[in-house]
Amino acid sequence: FERKTPLDETALAIYLVMRPYLNPLLLQHSFDYNKEAPAHLSSLVLRSLSP
């Protein structure tokens, strides 16, 4: 990853991607992440693609 992205945002985005695979039974309780998870993931991807 580039150095512009703060470490806590990177860790949160990686955790949100790995969360369904860590414990699939908790997937039904993760509706509170529906609004913020896409924003975190898209900002991480867009920052990593910027020159």
C-alpha atoms as a PDB file:
ATOM      1  CA  PHE A   1       0.000   0.000   0.000  1.00  0.00           C
ATOM      2  CA  GLU A   2       1.045   3.558  -0.506  1.00  0.00           C
ATOM      3  CA  ARG A   3       2.064   5.795   2.362  1.00  0.00           C
ATOM      4  CA  LYS A   4      -0.807   8.291   2.016  1.00  0.00           C
ATOM      5  CA  THR A   5      -3.442   5.990   3.469  1.00  0.00           C
ATOM      6  CA  PRO A   6      -3.546   5.929   7.268  1.00  0.00           C
ATOM      7  CA  LEU A   7      -2.837   2.556   8.793  1.00  0.00           C
ATOM      8  CA  ASP A   8      -6.142   2.373  10.662  1.00  0.00           C
ATOM      9  CA  GLU A   9      -8.150   2.863   7.446  1.00  0.00           C
ATOM     10  CA  THR A  10      -6.133   0.163   5.704  1.00  0.00           C
ATOM     11  CA  ALA A  11      -6.600  -2.269   8.574  1.00  0.00           C
ATOM     12  CA  LEU A  12     -10.340  -1.556   8.746  1.00  0.00           C
ATOM     13  CA  ALA A  13     -10.802  -2.132   5.011  1.00  0.00           C
ATOM     14  CA  ILE A  14      -8.886  -5.409   5.148  1.00  0.00           C
ATOM     15  CA  TYR A  15     -10.909  -6.513   8.179  1.00  0.00           C
ATOM     16  CA  LEU A  16     -14.206  -5.696   6.451  1.00  0.00           C
ATOM     17  CA  VAL A  17     -13.207  -7.854   3.486  1.00  0.00           C
ATOM     18  CA  MET A  18     -12.052 -10.754   5.668  1.00  0.00           C
ATOM     19  CA  ARG A  19     -14.941 -10.597   8.156  1.00  0.00           C
ATOM     20  CA  PRO A  20     -17.409 -12.883   6.289  1.00  0.00           C
ATOM     21  CA  TYR A  21     -14.694 -15.520   5.919  1.00  0.00           C
ATOM     22  CA  LEU A  22     -13.582 -15.391   9.558  1.00  0.00           C
ATOM     23  CA  ASN A  23     -17.000 -16.226  10.987  1.00  0.00           C
ATOM     24  CA  PRO A  24     -19.856 -16.649   8.474  1.00  0.00           C
ATOM     25  CA  LEU A  25     -22.429 -16.916  11.274  1.00  0.00           C
ATOM     26  CA  LEU A  26     -21.849 -13.261  12.177  1.00  0.00           C
ATOM     27  CA  LEU A  27     -22.733 -12.165   8.653  1.00  0.00           C
ATOM     28  CA  GLN A  28     -26.396 -11.783   9.572  1.00  0.00           C
ATOM     29  CA  HIS A  29     -25.432  -9.322  12.318  1.00  0.00           C
ATOM     30  CA  SER A  30     -23.296  -7.071  10.125  1.00  0.00           C
ATOM     31  CA  PHE A  31     -26.062  -4.879   8.731  1.00  0.00           C
ATOM     32  CA  ASP A  32     -24.608  -1.866  10.530  1.00  0.00           C
ATOM     33  CA  TYR A  33     -21.588  -1.986   8.195  1.00  0.00           C
ATOM     34  CA  ASN A  34     -23.708  -1.775   5.026  1.00  0.00           C
ATOM     35  CA  LYS A  35     -23.418   1.993   4.751  1.00  0.00           C
ATOM     36  CA  GLU A  36     -19.805   2.540   5.754  1.00  0.00           C
ATOM     37  CA  ALA A  37     -18.044  -0.533   4.348  1.00  0.00           C
ATOM     38  CA  PRO A  38     -18.393   0.379   0.641  1.00  0.00           C
ATOM     39  CA  ALA A  39     -17.054   3.868   1.341  1.00  0.00           C
ATOM     40  CA  HIS A  40     -13.995   2.516   3.179  1.00  0.00           C
ATOM     41  CA  LEU A  41     -13.250  -0.066   0.515  1.00  0.00           C
ATOM     42  CA  SER A  42     -13.715   2.262  -2.444  1.00  0.00           C
ATOM     43  CA  SER A  43     -11.539   4.980  -0.899  1.00  0.00           C
ATOM     44  CA  LEU A  44      -8.792   2.435  -0.270  1.00  0.00           C
ATOM     45  CA  VAL A  45      -8.933   1.166  -3.848  1.00  0.00           C
ATOM     46  CA  LEU A  46      -9.056   4.641  -5.371  1.00  0.00           C
ATOM     47  CA  ARG A  47      -6.117   5.848  -3.278  1.00  0.00           C
ATOM     48  CA  SER A  48      -4.045   2.843  -4.259  1.00  0.00           C
ATOM     49  CA  LEU A  49      -4.742   3.475  -7.955  1.00  0.00           C
ATOM     50  CA  SER A  50      -3.788   7.157  -7.864  1.00  0.00           C
ATOM     51  CA  PRO A  51      -0.298   7.961  -9.194  1.00  0.00           C
END
